[in-house]
Amino acid sequence: MSSIRTILSLAACYNLEVEQMDVKTVFLHDDLEEELYMEQPEGFVAQGKEDYVCRLKKSLYGLKQAPRQWYTMFESVMEEQGYKKTTSDHCVFIKRFSGDVLLSFCSMLMICLLLVAMLLELTS
């Protein structure tokens, strides 16, 4: 919560535009690092294979690993794009553009809060 307060304070101080984005299937795109198995979902049990289990290749909502997997991927993408993590909070990323600043806050509850001077850089 202190990260959000800090970023909103900076936005107010520097008259930045505030934009929010939500990635609806954020946890469903990451490859799993470990082997995980699950029972066949109710209603999708294969006939004659009732005792079979499913090996997960991708992350799912509800897995304990899902937020960590997503954050690891998000962090690497942000760093590839030239963002730097703040030393005070690993969920806040900063990138400077010729006098303008783009701040990004990542959280498991509010996926991304972007404070934008140049939103076009992110969406292009």
N, C-alpha and C. Protein backbone atom coordinates (compact mmCIF):
# COMPACT_ATOMS: atom_id res chain seq x y z
N MET A 1 0.82 -1.19 0.00
CA MET A 1 0.00 0.00 0.00
C MET A 1 0.87 1.26 0.00
N SER A 2 2.03 1.20 0.67
CA SER A 2 2.90 2.38 0.69
C SER A 2 3.44 2.68 -0.70
N SER A 3 3.62 1.65 -1.54
CA SER A 3 4.08 1.87 -2.91
C SER A 3 3.07 2.68 -3.70
N ILE A 4 1.80 2.33 -3.55
CA ILE A 4 0.75 3.06 -4.26
C ILE A 4 0.71 4.50 -3.79
N ARG A 5 0.79 4.71 -2.49
CA ARG A 5 0.79 6.09 -1.95
C ARG A 5 1.97 6.89 -2.48
N THR A 6 3.13 6.29 -2.50
CA THR A 6 4.32 6.98 -3.01
C THR A 6 4.14 7.37 -4.46
N ILE A 7 3.69 6.43 -5.28
CA ILE A 7 3.53 6.71 -6.70
C ILE A 7 2.45 7.75 -6.94
N LEU A 8 1.33 7.66 -6.23
CA LEU A 8 0.27 8.65 -6.40
C LEU A 8 0.73 10.03 -5.94
N SER A 9 1.56 10.08 -4.90
CA SER A 9 2.12 11.36 -4.46
C SER A 9 3.02 11.96 -5.54
N LEU A 10 3.86 11.13 -6.14
CA LEU A 10 4.73 11.62 -7.22
C LEU A 10 3.90 12.08 -8.42
N ALA A 11 2.83 11.36 -8.72
CA ALA A 11 1.97 11.75 -9.83
C ALA A 11 1.33 13.11 -9.57
N ALA A 12 0.88 13.32 -8.35
CA ALA A 12 0.26 14.60 -8.00
C ALA A 12 1.30 15.72 -8.01
N CYS A 13 2.48 15.43 -7.48
CA CYS A 13 3.55 16.44 -7.40
C CYS A 13 4.01 16.89 -8.78
N TYR A 14 4.16 15.93 -9.70
CA TYR A 14 4.69 16.26 -11.03
C TYR A 14 3.60 16.35 -12.10
N ASN A 15 2.34 16.36 -11.66
CA ASN A 15 1.21 16.51 -12.58
C ASN A 15 1.23 15.44 -13.68
N LEU A 16 1.47 14.19 -13.29
CA LEU A 16 1.48 13.09 -14.24
C LEU A 16 0.07 12.56 -14.45
N GLU A 17 -0.19 12.04 -15.63
CA GLU A 17 -1.46 11.39 -15.93
C GLU A 17 -1.41 9.98 -15.35
N VAL A 18 -2.49 9.54 -14.75
CA VAL A 18 -2.55 8.21 -14.14
C VAL A 18 -3.40 7.29 -15.02
N GLU A 19 -2.85 6.15 -15.37
CA GLU A 19 -3.55 5.15 -16.17
C GLU A 19 -3.44 3.81 -15.46
N GLN A 20 -4.47 3.00 -15.57
CA GLN A 20 -4.45 1.67 -14.97
C GLN A 20 -4.77 0.64 -16.04
N MET A 21 -4.06 -0.47 -15.99
CA MET A 21 -4.31 -1.57 -16.93
C MET A 21 -4.49 -2.86 -16.14
N ASP A 22 -5.26 -3.76 -16.70
CA ASP A 22 -5.45 -5.07 -16.08
C ASP A 22 -5.25 -6.13 -17.16
N VAL A 23 -4.37 -7.06 -16.90
CA VAL A 23 -4.15 -8.17 -17.82
C VAL A 23 -5.00 -9.32 -17.29
N LYS A 24 -6.09 -9.64 -17.99
CA LYS A 24 -7.09 -10.57 -17.46
C LYS A 24 -6.58 -12.00 -17.29
N THR A 25 -5.71 -12.47 -18.13
CA THR A 25 -5.22 -13.86 -18.03
C THR A 25 -3.74 -13.89 -17.67
N VAL A 26 -3.35 -13.01 -16.78
CA VAL A 26 -1.93 -12.80 -16.49
C VAL A 26 -1.23 -14.07 -15.99
N PHE A 27 -1.90 -14.91 -15.23
CA PHE A 27 -1.24 -16.09 -14.66
C PHE A 27 -1.23 -17.28 -15.61
N LEU A 28 -1.85 -17.18 -16.77
CA LEU A 28 -2.01 -18.35 -17.63
C LEU A 28 -0.95 -18.47 -18.72
N HIS A 29 0.03 -17.58 -18.76
CA HIS A 29 0.99 -17.56 -19.86
C HIS A 29 2.38 -18.04 -19.49
N ASP A 30 2.63 -18.25 -18.23
CA ASP A 30 3.99 -18.58 -17.80
C ASP A 30 4.23 -20.08 -17.76
N ASP A 31 5.41 -20.49 -18.23
CA ASP A 31 5.82 -21.89 -18.13
C ASP A 31 6.20 -22.18 -16.68
N LEU A 32 5.90 -23.38 -16.24
CA LEU A 32 6.27 -23.78 -14.88
C LEU A 32 7.70 -24.29 -14.86
N GLU A 33 8.41 -23.99 -13.80
CA GLU A 33 9.80 -24.44 -13.66
C GLU A 33 9.88 -25.85 -13.08
N GLU A 34 8.86 -26.23 -12.29
CA GLU A 34 8.88 -27.54 -11.67
C GLU A 34 7.76 -28.40 -12.26
N GLU A 35 7.85 -29.72 -12.01
CA GLU A 35 6.81 -30.63 -12.48
C GLU A 35 5.65 -30.60 -11.50
N LEU A 36 4.45 -30.31 -12.01
CA LEU A 36 3.25 -30.31 -11.18
C LEU A 36 2.18 -31.14 -11.86
N TYR A 37 1.44 -31.88 -11.05
CA TYR A 37 0.36 -32.72 -11.56
C TYR A 37 -0.92 -32.36 -10.83
N MET A 38 -2.05 -32.56 -11.51
CA MET A 38 -3.35 -32.32 -10.89
C MET A 38 -4.32 -33.41 -11.32
N GLU A 39 -5.35 -33.59 -10.51
CA GLU A 39 -6.41 -34.52 -10.90
C GLU A 39 -7.15 -33.94 -12.09
N GLN A 40 -7.78 -34.80 -12.86
CA GLN A 40 -8.59 -34.31 -13.97
C GLN A 40 -9.74 -33.48 -13.41
N PRO A 41 -10.01 -32.33 -14.02
CA PRO A 41 -11.09 -31.48 -13.52
C PRO A 41 -12.45 -32.18 -13.62
N GLU A 42 -13.28 -31.95 -12.63
CA GLU A 42 -14.62 -32.52 -12.63
C GLU A 42 -15.37 -32.11 -13.90
N GLY A 43 -15.99 -33.06 -14.55
CA GLY A 43 -16.70 -32.77 -15.79
C GLY A 43 -15.85 -32.95 -17.03
N PHE A 44 -14.53 -33.13 -16.84
CA PHE A 44 -13.61 -33.30 -17.97
C PHE A 44 -12.81 -34.60 -17.85
N VAL A 45 -13.32 -35.53 -17.07
CA VAL A 45 -12.62 -36.80 -16.87
C VAL A 45 -12.75 -37.64 -18.13
N ALA A 46 -11.61 -38.09 -18.65
CA ALA A 46 -11.60 -38.90 -19.87
C ALA A 46 -12.14 -40.30 -19.58
N GLN A 47 -13.05 -40.76 -20.42
CA GLN A 47 -13.64 -42.09 -20.26
C GLN A 47 -12.55 -43.17 -20.32
N GLY A 48 -12.59 -44.07 -19.37
CA GLY A 48 -11.62 -45.15 -19.32
C GLY A 48 -10.28 -44.73 -18.73
N LYS A 49 -10.12 -43.46 -18.41
CA LYS A 49 -8.85 -42.95 -17.85
C LYS A 49 -9.11 -42.18 -16.56
N GLU A 50 -10.08 -42.67 -15.80
CA GLU A 50 -10.50 -41.96 -14.58
C GLU A 50 -9.37 -41.81 -13.56
N ASP A 51 -8.39 -42.71 -13.56
CA ASP A 51 -7.29 -42.67 -12.60
C ASP A 51 -6.11 -41.84 -13.09
N TYR A 52 -6.18 -41.32 -14.29
CA TYR A 52 -5.08 -40.52 -14.85
C TYR A 52 -5.03 -39.15 -14.18
N VAL A 53 -3.85 -38.57 -14.18
CA VAL A 53 -3.67 -37.20 -13.72
C VAL A 53 -3.12 -36.37 -14.87
N CYS A 54 -3.19 -35.06 -14.74
CA CYS A 54 -2.70 -34.15 -15.78
C CYS A 54 -1.40 -33.50 -15.33
N ARG A 55 -0.42 -33.48 -16.21
CA ARG A 55 0.82 -32.75 -15.93
C ARG A 55 0.65 -31.33 -16.45
N LEU A 56 0.88 -30.35 -15.57
CA LEU A 56 0.72 -28.96 -15.96
C LEU A 56 1.97 -28.47 -16.68
N LYS A 57 1.78 -27.81 -17.80
CA LYS A 57 2.88 -27.20 -18.53
C LYS A 57 2.91 -25.69 -18.30
N LYS A 58 1.74 -25.11 -18.03
CA LYS A 58 1.61 -23.67 -17.82
C LYS A 58 1.03 -23.44 -16.43
N SER A 59 1.20 -22.23 -15.95
CA SER A 59 0.67 -21.84 -14.66
C SER A 59 -0.85 -21.71 -14.72
N LEU A 60 -1.49 -21.89 -13.58
CA LEU A 60 -2.95 -21.75 -13.46
C LEU A 60 -3.28 -20.82 -12.31
N TYR A 61 -4.45 -20.20 -12.36
CA TYR A 61 -4.93 -19.45 -11.21
C TYR A 61 -5.10 -20.42 -10.05
N GLY A 62 -4.75 -19.97 -8.86
CA GLY A 62 -4.88 -20.80 -7.68
C GLY A 62 -3.60 -21.52 -7.28
N LEU A 63 -2.64 -21.62 -8.19
CA LEU A 63 -1.36 -22.22 -7.82
C LEU A 63 -0.57 -21.24 -6.96
N LYS A 64 0.09 -21.77 -5.94
CA LYS A 64 0.93 -20.91 -5.11
C LYS A 64 2.05 -20.27 -5.92
N GLN A 65 2.51 -20.96 -6.96
CA GLN A 65 3.61 -20.48 -7.78
C GLN A 65 3.20 -19.39 -8.77
N ALA A 66 1.92 -19.26 -9.07
CA ALA A 66 1.45 -18.38 -10.15
C ALA A 66 1.91 -16.93 -10.00
N PRO A 67 1.73 -16.29 -8.84
CA PRO A 67 2.18 -14.90 -8.73
C PRO A 67 3.70 -14.75 -8.90
N ARG A 68 4.45 -15.68 -8.32
CA ARG A 68 5.91 -15.62 -8.44
C ARG A 68 6.35 -15.80 -9.89
N GLN A 69 5.75 -16.77 -10.58
CA GLN A 69 6.08 -17.01 -11.99
C GLN A 69 5.79 -15.76 -12.82
N TRP A 70 4.62 -15.14 -12.58
CA TRP A 70 4.25 -13.96 -13.34
C TRP A 70 5.21 -12.80 -13.04
N TYR A 71 5.53 -12.59 -11.75
CA TYR A 71 6.42 -11.49 -11.40
C TYR A 71 7.79 -11.67 -12.03
N THR A 72 8.31 -12.89 -12.05
CA THR A 72 9.62 -13.15 -12.65
C THR A 72 9.61 -12.78 -14.13
N MET A 73 8.54 -13.16 -14.84
CA MET A 73 8.42 -12.82 -16.26
C MET A 73 8.26 -11.30 -16.44
N PHE A 74 7.41 -10.67 -15.61
CA PHE A 74 7.17 -9.23 -15.69
C PHE A 74 8.46 -8.46 -15.44
N GLU A 75 9.21 -8.87 -14.42
CA GLU A 75 10.47 -8.22 -14.07
C GLU A 75 11.46 -8.28 -15.24
N SER A 76 11.58 -9.44 -15.88
CA SER A 76 12.53 -9.56 -16.98
C SER A 76 12.11 -8.71 -18.18
N VAL A 77 10.81 -8.65 -18.47
CA VAL A 77 10.33 -7.81 -19.57
C VAL A 77 10.59 -6.34 -19.27
N MET A 78 10.30 -5.92 -18.04
CA MET A 78 10.53 -4.51 -17.67
C MET A 78 12.01 -4.15 -17.79
N GLU A 79 12.89 -5.03 -17.33
CA GLU A 79 14.32 -4.76 -17.41
C GLU A 79 14.80 -4.75 -18.86
N GLU A 80 14.26 -5.63 -19.71
CA GLU A 80 14.60 -5.62 -21.14
C GLU A 80 14.19 -4.30 -21.79
N GLN A 81 13.11 -3.70 -21.30
CA GLN A 81 12.61 -2.44 -21.86
C GLN A 81 13.31 -1.22 -21.26
N GLY A 82 14.28 -1.44 -20.38
CA GLY A 82 15.06 -0.34 -19.84
C GLY A 82 14.55 0.23 -18.53
N TYR A 83 13.60 -0.44 -17.88
CA TYR A 83 13.11 0.01 -16.58
C TYR A 83 14.07 -0.45 -15.49
N LYS A 84 14.13 0.31 -14.42
CA LYS A 84 14.96 -0.03 -13.27
C LYS A 84 14.07 -0.19 -12.05
N LYS A 85 14.34 -1.24 -11.26
CA LYS A 85 13.63 -1.41 -10.00
C LYS A 85 14.13 -0.38 -9.00
N THR A 86 13.22 0.16 -8.21
CA THR A 86 13.67 1.07 -7.16
C THR A 86 14.29 0.24 -6.04
N THR A 87 15.22 0.85 -5.32
CA THR A 87 15.87 0.12 -4.23
C THR A 87 14.94 -0.03 -3.03
N SER A 88 13.98 0.87 -2.90
CA SER A 88 13.09 0.82 -1.74
C SER A 88 11.92 -0.15 -1.90
N ASP A 89 11.55 -0.48 -3.16
CA ASP A 89 10.40 -1.36 -3.37
C ASP A 89 10.57 -2.12 -4.67
N HIS A 90 10.63 -3.43 -4.60
CA HIS A 90 10.87 -4.23 -5.81
C HIS A 90 9.66 -4.29 -6.74
N CYS A 91 8.53 -3.72 -6.34
CA CYS A 91 7.35 -3.69 -7.21
C CYS A 91 7.24 -2.39 -7.99
N VAL A 92 8.15 -1.46 -7.78
CA VAL A 92 8.09 -0.17 -8.47
C VAL A 92 9.25 -0.09 -9.46
N PHE A 93 8.92 0.17 -10.72
CA PHE A 93 9.90 0.28 -11.80
C PHE A 93 9.85 1.69 -12.37
N ILE A 94 11.02 2.24 -12.73
CA ILE A 94 11.11 3.60 -13.25
C ILE A 94 11.88 3.59 -14.56
N LYS A 95 11.40 4.42 -15.49
CA LYS A 95 12.13 4.63 -16.74
C LYS A 95 12.05 6.11 -17.07
N ARG A 96 13.18 6.69 -17.44
CA ARG A 96 13.23 8.12 -17.80
C ARG A 96 13.30 8.28 -19.31
N PHE A 97 12.56 9.27 -19.80
CA PHE A 97 12.57 9.63 -21.22
C PHE A 97 12.85 11.11 -21.31
N SER A 98 13.94 11.50 -21.84
CA SER A 98 14.26 12.92 -22.09
C SER A 98 13.43 13.88 -21.24
N GLY A 99 13.57 13.79 -19.94
CA GLY A 99 12.88 14.70 -19.05
C GLY A 99 11.57 14.17 -18.51
N ASP A 100 10.95 13.20 -19.18
CA ASP A 100 9.70 12.62 -18.70
C ASP A 100 10.01 11.32 -17.96
N VAL A 101 9.06 10.88 -17.14
CA VAL A 101 9.26 9.68 -16.34
C VAL A 101 8.05 8.77 -16.50
N LEU A 102 8.29 7.48 -16.61
CA LEU A 102 7.22 6.49 -16.59
C LEU A 102 7.46 5.60 -15.38
N LEU A 103 6.50 5.58 -14.48
CA LEU A 103 6.58 4.74 -13.29
C LEU A 103 5.61 3.59 -13.46
N SER A 104 5.98 2.43 -13.00
CA SER A 104 5.10 1.27 -13.07
C SER A 104 5.08 0.57 -11.73
N PHE A 105 3.90 0.23 -11.29
CA PHE A 105 3.74 -0.50 -10.03
C PHE A 105 3.11 -1.84 -10.35
N CYS A 106 3.69 -2.89 -9.84
CA CYS A 106 3.17 -4.23 -10.12
C CYS A 106 2.78 -4.87 -8.79
N SER A 107 1.61 -5.45 -8.78
CA SER A 107 1.12 -6.10 -7.58
C SER A 107 0.25 -7.28 -7.97
N MET A 108 0.09 -8.21 -7.07
CA MET A 108 -0.79 -9.35 -7.37
C MET A 108 -2.25 -8.95 -7.26
N LEU A 109 -2.56 -7.91 -6.47
CA LEU A 109 -3.95 -7.48 -6.33
C LEU A 109 -4.33 -6.49 -7.42
N MET A 110 -3.50 -5.51 -7.63
CA MET A 110 -3.73 -4.57 -8.72
C MET A 110 -2.58 -4.81 -9.68
N ILE A 111 -2.84 -5.47 -10.77
CA ILE A 111 -1.79 -6.01 -11.63
C ILE A 111 -0.80 -4.94 -12.06
N CYS A 112 -1.25 -3.86 -12.61
CA CYS A 112 -0.33 -2.83 -13.06
C CYS A 112 -0.95 -1.46 -12.88
N LEU A 113 -0.27 -0.58 -12.23
CA LEU A 113 -0.69 0.81 -12.17
C LEU A 113 0.39 1.61 -12.85
N LEU A 114 0.04 2.29 -13.92
CA LEU A 114 1.03 3.03 -14.68
C LEU A 114 0.79 4.52 -14.52
N LEU A 115 1.81 5.23 -14.15
CA LEU A 115 1.76 6.67 -14.09
C LEU A 115 2.52 7.16 -15.29
N VAL A 116 1.82 7.87 -16.16
CA VAL A 116 2.34 8.07 -17.49
C VAL A 116 2.59 9.51 -17.83
N ALA A 117 3.77 9.76 -18.34
CA ALA A 117 4.04 10.99 -19.06
C ALA A 117 4.05 10.65 -20.54
N MET A 118 4.46 9.40 -20.86
CA MET A 118 4.50 8.94 -22.25
C MET A 118 3.99 7.51 -22.33
N LEU A 119 2.68 7.30 -22.28
CA LEU A 119 2.09 5.97 -22.34
C LEU A 119 2.33 5.31 -23.69
N LEU A 120 2.56 6.07 -24.72
CA LEU A 120 2.77 5.51 -26.05
C LEU A 120 3.96 4.56 -26.10
N GLU A 121 4.99 4.81 -25.32
CA GLU A 121 6.17 3.94 -25.28
C GLU A 121 5.78 2.53 -24.86
N LEU A 122 4.87 2.43 -23.90
CA LEU A 122 4.48 1.13 -23.39
C LEU A 122 3.54 0.41 -24.35
N THR A 123 2.62 1.12 -24.96
CA THR A 123 1.60 0.48 -25.79
C THR A 123 2.05 0.24 -27.21
N SER A 124 3.16 0.83 -27.64
CA SER A 124 3.61 0.62 -29.03
C SER A 124 4.41 -0.64 -29.19
